[in-house]
């Protein structure tokens, strides 16, 4: 059942050679959502020097999407050991490390993970010796930890006690990335009220800080913060907001850093939410939506970029409320690429019956559109405004509104585009993602601009290493 069986076996052989004390087995693991899988796992001790020498017992589970998803790691303390909760270990012995958060095959390996584990444990010892009385009290905690690490949880009893929805449709959204944009998306989605639960997946190193810490302090109902990919399980929509903050020198290097980041995220997200809709807000949105589509192997209808939804809503608002051209606004769209190459377009060409009058109407419409675009230029895309746009899109998807949005979708076959690129186009959105692409008015100049954008994006994608 392992998708990359040969790679997994080869890596486990390397672990066995390096750490011969480890024992391997196949057991049932139960995830936070109550789903179960038979997974390969191993237990053993790693040597740690902290004044004296210690052998720290650990238990690692290997996911069936390994080596593209990181292992699930626990301490396995004996009855006379207590857990030192800290930056890398929680109260139940779950291990969190930068290496796990930044996992990316083939750079990341189990051997490398264990080496970082040793390094971090030597900075902050994760276990301590208990007195005999403490050891007795420890047995109850160990019993609970054993249930987790042996594939048992009390998820069902918790759901009954909590009184949450256990029947019918449960709308859960996961936001990946706890930067300003990620937090803005959480707040906007929560305020919109479309989701029954919002999970913020914080992939940053170390303890919660900044806005994430504030979210924990001022706890919002139905909002969960986690560093564990399994918390995203069974999400209806997963919003991707992460962007690499590396020291890349060129634009291509920056994008490649984002691609490398996504290689460690998308397979794990796809593993836990196989029927989710991916909504990409990372930059550049057209390229990262394409990357998400390729890495997830999802149908094109379920991989969507936020694209020009925000620009379109602003464009229509400017036409209606500032330029008083409401009749034009309902058919007006911003399409193509985000940024300076975005293009105004229309989904209706039935202006007037007479050809001469039609030409005059088109010229008048173009003038109004140019004025609206000038106003639009002064509007930046701040985190909170993009968050509102994301909430708008998720609301349409979860409530199956069948509303038309300008979002990044696979443009191959549209406007004589023959390459696999994502561009913003008017699409009807519902619970299955993109239901239908809305036909644009045939405008040679618009088509030329879209083809030019498609060409430059495709050239850029060809230089990336997926």
Protein backbone atom coordinates (compact mmCIF):
# COMPACT_ATOMS: atom_id res chain seq x y z
CA UNK A 1 0.00 0.00 0.00
CA UNK A 2 3.06 2.27 0.11
CA UNK A 3 3.06 4.43 -3.01
CA UNK A 4 6.87 4.59 -3.21
CA UNK A 5 7.69 1.18 -1.77
CA UNK A 6 11.23 0.81 -3.11
CA UNK A 7 12.31 4.24 -1.88
CA UNK A 8 10.80 3.54 1.55
CA UNK A 9 12.46 0.13 1.90
CA UNK A 10 15.85 1.50 0.84
CA UNK A 11 15.65 4.28 3.40
CA UNK A 12 14.62 1.95 6.21
CA UNK A 13 17.58 -0.28 5.38
CA UNK A 14 19.83 2.75 5.87
CA UNK A 15 18.19 3.44 9.24
CA UNK A 16 18.70 -0.18 10.30
CA UNK A 17 22.39 -0.04 9.38
CA UNK A 18 22.97 3.22 11.25
CA UNK A 19 20.78 2.42 14.29
CA UNK A 20 20.74 -1.39 14.66
CA UNK A 21 18.85 -1.17 17.98
CA UNK A 22 15.66 -0.02 16.18
CA UNK A 23 12.86 -2.57 15.80
CA UNK A 24 10.41 -2.40 12.88
CA UNK A 25 6.76 -3.46 12.72
CA UNK A 26 3.47 -2.79 10.92
CA UNK A 27 0.63 -1.50 13.12
CA UNK A 28 -2.60 0.45 12.87
CA UNK A 29 -2.30 4.20 13.40
CA UNK A 30 -5.35 6.33 14.20
CA UNK A 31 -5.26 9.94 13.04
CA UNK A 32 -6.85 12.90 14.81
CA UNK A 33 -9.98 12.63 12.66
CA UNK A 34 -10.50 9.00 13.71
CA UNK A 35 -9.42 7.45 10.38
CA UNK A 36 -7.03 4.52 10.55
CA UNK A 37 -4.22 3.10 8.44
CA UNK A 38 -1.75 0.26 8.74
CA UNK A 39 1.64 1.96 8.79
CA UNK A 40 5.24 0.93 9.07
CA UNK A 41 6.79 2.11 12.34
CA UNK A 42 9.91 1.65 14.34
CA UNK A 43 11.06 2.11 17.92
CA UNK A 44 14.51 2.52 19.40
CA UNK A 45 16.81 4.85 21.29
CA UNK A 46 19.01 7.69 20.11
CA UNK A 47 22.20 8.69 21.97
CA UNK A 48 22.13 12.18 23.48
CA UNK A 49 24.86 13.95 25.46
CA UNK A 50 23.53 16.40 28.03
CA UNK A 51 26.28 16.51 30.65
CA UNK A 52 25.96 12.72 30.89
CA UNK A 53 25.08 10.34 28.07
CA UNK A 54 21.42 9.34 27.68
CA UNK A 55 19.53 6.99 25.41
CA UNK A 56 16.27 8.72 24.44
CA UNK A 57 13.51 6.29 23.39
CA UNK A 58 11.55 7.33 20.29
CA UNK A 59 8.76 5.89 18.13
CA UNK A 60 8.43 6.92 14.45
CA UNK A 61 5.53 6.20 12.08
CA UNK A 62 6.18 6.18 8.32
CA UNK A 63 3.26 7.51 6.25
CA UNK A 64 2.26 5.66 3.08
CA UNK A 65 3.24 8.72 1.01
CA UNK A 66 6.82 8.51 2.31
CA UNK A 67 9.37 9.87 1.38
CA UNK A 68 7.27 12.84 0.18
CA UNK A 69 5.62 13.29 3.59
CA UNK A 70 7.53 13.39 6.91
CA UNK A 71 7.23 10.69 9.59
CA UNK A 72 5.05 11.17 12.69
CA UNK A 73 7.39 11.22 15.69
CA UNK A 74 6.86 10.53 19.40
CA UNK A 75 8.96 10.08 22.50
CA UNK A 76 8.42 6.68 24.12
CA UNK A 77 9.23 7.27 27.81
CA UNK A 78 9.43 4.42 30.30
CA UNK A 79 7.43 4.48 33.55
CA UNK A 80 10.24 6.27 35.44
CA UNK A 81 10.63 9.04 32.84
CA UNK A 82 8.76 12.36 32.69
CA UNK A 83 8.31 14.49 29.56
CA UNK A 84 9.90 17.94 29.56
CA UNK A 85 7.43 19.97 27.52
CA UNK A 86 9.33 22.49 25.41
CA UNK A 87 9.91 24.00 22.01
CA UNK A 88 10.13 20.62 20.28
CA UNK A 89 7.98 18.31 22.44
CA UNK A 90 4.36 18.57 23.63
CA UNK A 91 2.78 17.11 26.77
CA UNK A 92 1.87 13.87 24.98
CA UNK A 93 5.39 13.28 23.68
CA UNK A 94 4.72 14.37 20.09
CA UNK A 95 7.96 15.66 18.55
CA UNK A 96 8.03 18.85 16.45
CA UNK A 97 11.20 19.85 14.60
CA UNK A 98 12.13 22.33 11.85
CA UNK A 99 13.34 19.32 9.86
CA UNK A 100 9.80 17.89 9.87
CA UNK A 101 8.20 21.21 8.95
CA UNK A 102 10.62 21.75 6.06
CA UNK A 103 10.57 18.13 4.87
CA UNK A 104 11.34 17.85 1.15
CA UNK A 105 12.37 14.71 -0.75
CA UNK A 106 15.12 13.86 -1.67
CA UNK A 107 16.91 16.37 0.58
CA UNK A 108 15.15 15.11 3.72
CA UNK A 109 15.76 11.61 5.08
CA UNK A 110 14.93 9.67 8.26
CA UNK A 111 18.67 9.57 9.10
CA UNK A 112 18.83 13.35 8.75
CA UNK A 113 15.72 13.67 10.91
CA UNK A 114 17.23 11.56 13.69
CA UNK A 115 20.45 13.58 13.55
CA UNK A 116 18.51 16.83 14.02
CA UNK A 117 16.51 15.17 16.78
CA UNK A 118 19.74 14.38 18.61
CA UNK A 119 21.02 17.94 18.10
CA UNK A 120 17.82 19.53 19.43
CA UNK A 121 17.59 17.11 22.37
CA UNK A 122 21.16 17.97 23.34
CA UNK A 123 20.07 21.62 23.54
CA UNK A 124 16.93 20.81 25.54
CA UNK A 125 16.67 17.33 27.08
CA UNK A 126 13.11 16.06 26.42
CA UNK A 127 12.89 13.61 29.34
CA UNK A 128 13.76 13.59 33.04
CA UNK A 129 13.87 10.98 35.82
CA UNK A 130 10.85 10.65 38.09
CA UNK A 131 10.73 9.84 41.79
CA UNK A 132 8.87 6.65 42.73
CA UNK A 133 5.69 8.58 43.67
CA UNK A 134 5.82 10.60 40.45
CA UNK A 135 6.37 7.41 38.49
CA UNK A 136 3.09 6.04 39.78
CA UNK A 137 1.22 9.13 38.59
CA UNK A 138 3.11 8.90 35.28
CA UNK A 139 1.61 5.51 34.44
CA UNK A 140 -1.78 7.05 33.59
CA UNK A 141 -0.20 9.52 31.15
CA UNK A 142 1.89 6.75 29.60
CA UNK A 143 -1.25 4.73 29.07
CA UNK A 144 -2.74 7.60 27.08
CA UNK A 145 0.47 8.09 25.06
CA UNK A 146 0.59 4.36 24.35
CA UNK A 147 -2.91 4.58 22.87
CA UNK A 148 -1.78 7.33 20.51
CA UNK A 149 1.44 5.65 19.46
CA UNK A 150 -0.24 2.27 19.06
CA UNK A 151 -3.03 3.65 16.94
CA UNK A 152 -5.82 4.36 19.42
CA UNK A 153 -7.38 7.71 20.33
CA UNK A 154 -10.39 8.99 22.21
CA UNK A 155 -11.58 11.12 19.28
CA UNK A 156 -15.11 9.70 19.34
CA UNK A 157 -15.67 10.37 23.03
CA UNK A 158 -14.23 13.87 22.64
CA UNK A 159 -16.62 14.71 19.82
CA UNK A 160 -19.59 13.65 21.95
CA UNK A 161 -18.45 15.69 24.95
CA UNK A 162 -17.74 18.75 22.80
CA UNK A 163 -21.23 18.77 21.39
CA UNK A 164 -19.98 19.64 17.90
CA UNK A 165 -21.52 18.49 14.64
CA UNK A 166 -21.17 14.74 14.21
CA UNK A 167 -23.84 14.22 11.56
CA UNK A 168 -24.46 15.86 8.19
CA UNK A 169 -22.06 18.03 6.26
CA UNK A 170 -19.20 19.47 8.29
CA UNK A 171 -17.46 22.38 6.58
CA UNK A 172 -13.83 22.51 7.65
CA UNK A 173 -11.22 24.84 6.18
CA UNK A 174 -7.47 24.63 6.72
CA UNK A 175 -5.22 27.63 6.17
CA UNK A 176 -1.58 26.64 5.63
CA UNK A 177 0.88 29.30 6.81
CA UNK A 178 0.71 31.51 9.92
CA UNK A 179 2.13 34.70 8.44
CA UNK A 180 0.12 37.91 8.12
CA UNK A 181 -1.78 36.57 5.10
CA UNK A 182 -2.60 33.26 6.77
CA UNK A 183 -3.92 34.95 9.90
CA UNK A 184 -5.89 37.45 7.79
CA UNK A 185 -7.52 34.51 5.96
CA UNK A 186 -8.43 32.80 9.25
CA UNK A 187 -10.03 35.96 10.64
CA UNK A 188 -11.91 36.72 7.41
CA UNK A 189 -13.17 33.15 6.97
CA UNK A 190 -14.24 32.99 10.63
CA UNK A 191 -16.03 36.34 10.31
CA UNK A 192 -17.82 35.17 7.13
CA UNK A 193 -19.28 32.23 9.05
CA UNK A 194 -19.13 29.79 6.14
CA UNK A 195 -17.01 27.18 7.95
CA UNK A 196 -17.87 25.04 10.98
CA UNK A 197 -14.18 24.85 11.83
CA UNK A 198 -11.03 26.69 10.71
CA UNK A 199 -7.58 25.16 11.24
CA UNK A 200 -4.47 27.33 11.03
CA UNK A 201 -1.50 25.14 10.15
CA UNK A 202 1.56 26.92 11.54
CA UNK A 203 4.71 25.63 9.82
CA UNK A 204 7.06 28.18 11.41
CA UNK A 205 9.92 27.06 13.62
CA UNK A 206 9.67 27.26 17.38
CA UNK A 207 6.86 28.15 19.73
CA UNK A 208 3.85 30.25 18.77
CA UNK A 209 4.65 33.91 18.45
CA UNK A 210 3.27 37.10 16.99
CA UNK A 211 -0.22 36.85 15.56
CA UNK A 212 -0.42 33.09 16.15
CA UNK A 213 0.19 33.64 19.85
CA UNK A 214 -2.49 36.34 19.89
CA UNK A 215 -4.96 33.95 18.26
CA UNK A 216 -4.23 31.47 21.05
CA UNK A 217 -4.60 34.12 23.76
CA UNK A 218 -7.88 35.50 22.42
CA UNK A 219 -9.25 32.11 21.48
CA UNK A 220 -11.82 32.26 18.68
CA UNK A 221 -14.61 29.71 18.64
CA UNK A 222 -14.10 26.91 16.11
CA UNK A 223 -10.51 28.00 15.30
CA UNK A 224 -7.68 25.53 15.94
CA UNK A 225 -3.94 26.22 15.66
CA UNK A 226 -1.70 23.26 14.94
CA UNK A 227 1.74 22.32 13.64
CA UNK A 228 0.52 18.85 12.70
CA UNK A 229 -0.57 18.10 9.12
CA UNK A 230 -3.06 15.55 10.44
CA UNK A 231 -5.08 18.44 11.92
CA UNK A 232 -6.06 19.32 8.34
CA UNK A 233 -7.74 15.95 7.75
CA UNK A 234 -11.02 16.00 5.80
CA UNK A 235 -10.89 19.71 5.00
CA UNK A 236 -13.35 20.82 2.34
CA UNK A 237 -10.99 23.65 1.33
CA UNK A 238 -7.27 24.07 2.01
CA UNK A 239 -5.94 27.61 1.57
CA UNK A 240 -2.21 27.87 0.81
CA UNK A 241 -0.63 31.16 1.94
CA UNK A 242 3.00 30.15 2.58
CA UNK A 243 5.87 31.90 0.81
CA UNK A 244 9.56 31.07 1.19
CA UNK A 245 11.61 33.70 3.00
CA UNK A 246 14.99 32.37 1.87
CA UNK A 247 17.99 34.33 0.61
CA UNK A 248 17.33 33.70 -3.07
CA UNK A 249 19.14 36.07 -5.44
CA UNK A 250 16.97 35.93 -8.58
CA UNK A 251 13.23 35.83 -9.24
CA UNK A 252 13.58 32.26 -10.50
CA UNK A 253 15.39 31.31 -7.26
CA UNK A 254 12.56 32.80 -5.21
CA UNK A 255 9.96 30.78 -7.11
CA UNK A 256 12.07 27.62 -6.88
CA UNK A 257 12.26 28.12 -3.10
CA UNK A 258 8.47 28.24 -3.03
CA UNK A 259 8.28 25.11 -5.18
CA UNK A 260 10.64 23.30 -2.77
CA UNK A 261 8.43 24.42 0.11
CA UNK A 262 5.30 23.11 -1.62
CA UNK A 263 6.95 19.74 -2.30
CA UNK A 264 6.90 19.14 1.45
CA UNK A 265 3.35 20.46 1.92
CA UNK A 266 1.11 19.37 -0.96
CA UNK A 267 1.65 15.57 -0.65
CA UNK A 268 0.89 15.72 3.10
CA UNK A 269 -2.22 17.86 2.58
CA UNK A 270 -3.38 15.57 -0.25
CA UNK A 271 -2.83 12.56 2.00
CA UNK A 272 -5.10 13.84 4.78
CA UNK A 273 -7.76 15.49 2.58
CA UNK A 274 -8.01 13.53 -0.64
CA UNK A 275 -11.22 15.25 -1.78
CA UNK A 276 -10.35 18.79 -0.79
CA UNK A 277 -10.25 21.87 -3.00
CA UNK A 278 -6.85 23.60 -3.00
CA UNK A 279 -7.13 27.39 -2.99
CA UNK A 280 -3.72 28.94 -3.67
CA UNK A 281 -2.85 32.44 -2.44
CA UNK A 282 0.96 32.06 -2.51
CA UNK A 283 3.05 34.03 -5.00
CA UNK A 284 3.26 34.03 -7.96
CA UNK A 285 -0.26 32.67 -7.83
CA UNK A 286 -0.39 31.39 -11.44
CA UNK A 287 2.82 29.36 -11.10
CA UNK A 288 2.11 28.10 -7.57
CA UNK A 289 -1.39 26.98 -8.60
CA UNK A 290 0.19 25.00 -11.44
CA UNK A 291 2.73 23.52 -8.99
CA UNK A 292 -0.08 22.55 -6.58
CA UNK A 293 -1.98 20.88 -9.42
CA UNK A 294 1.05 18.86 -10.51
CA UNK A 295 2.13 17.82 -6.99
CA UNK A 296 -1.38 16.88 -5.85
CA UNK A 297 -2.48 15.12 -9.06
CA UNK A 298 -5.97 16.50 -8.31
CA UNK A 299 -8.39 17.20 -11.16
CA UNK A 300 -8.02 20.73 -12.53
CA UNK A 301 -11.45 21.68 -11.16
CA UNK A 302 -10.19 21.26 -7.58
CA UNK A 303 -7.02 23.36 -7.82
CA UNK A 304 -7.79 27.08 -7.92
CA UNK A 305 -5.72 30.23 -7.50
CA UNK A 306 -7.16 33.37 -5.88
CA UNK A 307 -6.10 35.08 -9.12
CA UNK A 308 -7.91 38.29 -10.01
CA UNK A 309 -10.95 37.82 -7.77
CA UNK A 310 -9.99 40.82 -5.60
CA UNK A 311 -9.18 43.02 -8.61
CA UNK A 312 -12.45 42.05 -10.30
CA UNK A 313 -14.56 42.85 -7.24
CA UNK A 314 -12.81 46.23 -6.96
CA UNK A 315 -13.17 46.87 -10.70
CA UNK A 316 -16.90 46.19 -10.61
CA UNK A 317 -17.29 48.34 -7.49
CA UNK A 318 -15.43 51.27 -9.11
CA UNK A 319 -17.58 51.03 -12.24
CA UNK A 320 -20.82 50.92 -10.23
CA UNK A 321 -20.17 53.30 -7.34
CA UNK A 322 -17.53 55.74 -8.56
CA UNK A 323 -18.07 55.95 -12.32
CA UNK A 324 -21.81 55.22 -12.12
CA UNK A 325 -21.63 52.65 -14.93
CA UNK A 326 -23.63 49.87 -13.28
CA UNK A 327 -24.83 48.45 -16.60
CA UNK A 328 -21.20 47.75 -17.59
CA UNK A 329 -20.11 46.46 -14.18
CA UNK A 330 -22.18 43.26 -14.21
CA UNK A 331 -20.30 41.91 -17.27
CA UNK A 332 -16.85 43.34 -16.37
CA UNK A 333 -13.92 41.14 -15.32
CA UNK A 334 -10.21 41.39 -14.66
CA UNK A 335 -8.49 38.35 -16.16
CA UNK A 336 -5.01 37.00 -17.00
CA UNK A 337 -2.08 37.46 -14.61
CA UNK A 338 -2.01 39.15 -11.25
CA UNK A 339 -0.05 42.40 -11.33
CA UNK A 340 0.63 44.84 -14.14
CA UNK A 341 -0.33 42.39 -16.91
CA UNK A 342 -3.94 42.00 -15.78
CA UNK A 343 -6.53 42.66 -18.48
CA UNK A 344 -10.09 44.09 -18.32
CA UNK A 345 -12.57 41.98 -20.25
CA UNK A 346 -16.30 41.36 -20.70
CA UNK A 347 -18.63 38.39 -20.82
CA UNK A 348 -21.31 40.10 -22.92
CA UNK A 349 -21.10 41.65 -26.38
CA UNK A 350 -24.82 42.39 -26.89
CA UNK A 351 -24.40 46.14 -26.57
CA UNK A 352 -26.71 47.39 -29.34
CA UNK A 353 -28.10 46.01 -32.58
CA UNK A 354 -26.74 48.63 -34.99
CA UNK A 355 -23.06 48.09 -35.93
CA UNK A 356 -22.22 51.81 -35.94
CA UNK A 357 -23.80 52.32 -32.55
CA UNK A 358 -22.07 49.18 -31.30
CA UNK A 359 -18.69 50.63 -32.28
CA UNK A 360 -19.45 53.87 -30.45
CA UNK A 361 -20.64 51.94 -27.40
CA UNK A 362 -17.45 49.87 -27.38
CA UNK A 363 -15.32 53.02 -27.52
CA UNK A 364 -17.31 54.53 -24.67
CA UNK A 365 -16.97 51.33 -22.65
CA UNK A 366 -13.22 51.26 -23.26
CA UNK A 367 -12.86 54.83 -21.95
CA UNK A 368 -14.80 54.02 -18.80
CA UNK A 369 -12.77 50.81 -18.33
CA UNK A 370 -9.50 52.77 -18.67
CA UNK A 371 -10.64 55.24 -16.02
CA UNK A 372 -11.58 52.35 -13.72
CA UNK A 373 -8.18 50.72 -14.29
CA UNK A 374 -6.43 53.97 -13.32
CA UNK A 375 -8.35 54.02 -10.03
CA UNK A 376 -7.60 50.33 -9.53
CA UNK A 377 -3.85 50.92 -9.90
CA UNK A 378 -3.82 52.81 -6.61
CA UNK A 379 -5.17 49.84 -4.70
CA UNK A 380 -2.51 47.54 -3.27
CA UNK A 381 -3.14 43.94 -2.26
CA UNK A 382 -2.71 43.97 1.51
CA UNK A 383 -2.98 40.83 3.61
CA UNK A 384 -6.38 41.74 5.04
CA UNK A 385 -7.83 42.55 1.59
CA UNK A 386 -6.59 39.24 0.14
CA UNK A 387 -7.99 37.52 3.25
CA UNK A 388 -11.42 39.01 2.50
CA UNK A 389 -11.14 37.76 -1.09
CA UNK A 390 -10.24 34.26 0.13
CA UNK A 391 -13.26 34.30 2.47
CA UNK A 392 -15.44 35.32 -0.47
CA UNK A 393 -14.20 32.39 -2.57
CA UNK A 394 -14.50 29.80 0.22
CA UNK A 395 -18.03 31.02 0.96
CA UNK A 396 -19.04 30.41 -2.68
CA UNK A 397 -17.46 26.95 -2.64
CA UNK A 398 -18.78 25.70 0.71
CA UNK A 399 -22.31 27.07 0.18
CA UNK A 400 -22.39 25.89 -3.46
CA UNK A 401 -23.44 29.38 -4.54
CA UNK A 402 -22.65 28.84 -8.24
CA UNK A 403 -21.34 32.40 -8.28
CA UNK A 404 -18.95 33.61 -11.01
CA UNK A 405 -15.44 34.60 -9.85
CA UNK A 406 -12.29 35.48 -11.78
CA UNK A 407 -9.88 32.83 -10.45
CA UNK A 408 -6.71 31.14 -11.66
CA UNK A 409 -7.71 28.01 -13.53
CA UNK A 410 -6.14 25.79 -16.19
CA UNK A 411 -6.32 27.94 -19.31
CA UNK A 412 -5.26 25.31 -21.86
CA UNK A 413 -7.77 25.28 -24.71
CA UNK A 414 -9.00 28.81 -24.03
CA UNK A 415 -8.05 31.69 -26.37
CA UNK A 416 -5.83 29.35 -28.45
CA UNK A 417 -3.57 28.65 -25.43
CA UNK A 418 -1.97 25.23 -25.86
CA UNK A 419 0.30 25.06 -22.81
CA UNK A 420 -0.53 23.95 -19.27
CA UNK A 421 -0.69 27.32 -17.53
CA UNK A 422 -3.11 28.82 -15.02
CA UNK A 423 -4.63 32.23 -15.69
CA UNK A 424 -7.53 34.14 -14.14
CA UNK A 425 -10.75 33.57 -16.05
CA UNK A 426 -14.42 33.93 -15.03
CA UNK A 427 -15.51 30.60 -13.52
CA UNK A 428 -18.63 29.33 -11.77
CA UNK A 429 -17.64 27.99 -8.33
CA UNK A 430 -19.43 25.40 -6.21
CA UNK A 431 -18.74 22.51 -3.84
CA UNK A 432 -16.80 20.67 -6.57
CA UNK A 433 -14.60 23.69 -7.29
CA UNK A 434 -14.68 25.06 -10.82
CA UNK A 435 -17.98 23.90 -12.31
CA UNK A 436 -17.77 25.77 -15.59
CA UNK A 437 -15.71 28.47 -17.29
CA UNK A 438 -17.78 31.43 -18.47
CA UNK A 439 -17.33 32.37 -22.13
CA UNK A 440 -15.59 35.71 -22.69
CA UNK A 441 -16.41 38.22 -25.39
CA UNK A 442 -14.12 37.63 -28.38
CA UNK A 443 -11.63 40.46 -28.40
CA UNK A 444 -8.40 39.94 -30.44
CA UNK A 445 -6.43 42.34 -28.22
CA UNK A 446 -7.48 40.53 -25.02
CA UNK A 447 -6.66 37.15 -26.56
CA UNK A 448 -3.24 38.42 -27.62
CA UNK A 449 -2.49 39.61 -24.09
CA UNK A 450 -3.61 36.30 -22.58
CA UNK A 451 -1.46 34.34 -25.04
CA UNK A 452 1.53 36.55 -24.19
CA UNK A 453 1.01 35.93 -20.45
CA UNK A 454 0.62 32.21 -21.06
CA UNK A 455 3.87 32.13 -23.04
CA UNK A 456 5.94 33.89 -20.38
CA UNK A 457 4.46 31.81 -17.55
CA UNK A 458 5.08 28.57 -19.46
CA UNK A 459 8.71 29.55 -20.14
CA UNK A 460 9.18 30.22 -16.42
CA UNK A 461 7.59 26.90 -15.43
CA UNK A 462 9.91 25.01 -17.79
CA UNK A 463 12.90 26.27 -15.75
CA UNK A 464 11.54 24.99 -12.42
CA UNK A 465 12.49 21.69 -10.82
CA UNK A 466 9.36 19.90 -9.63
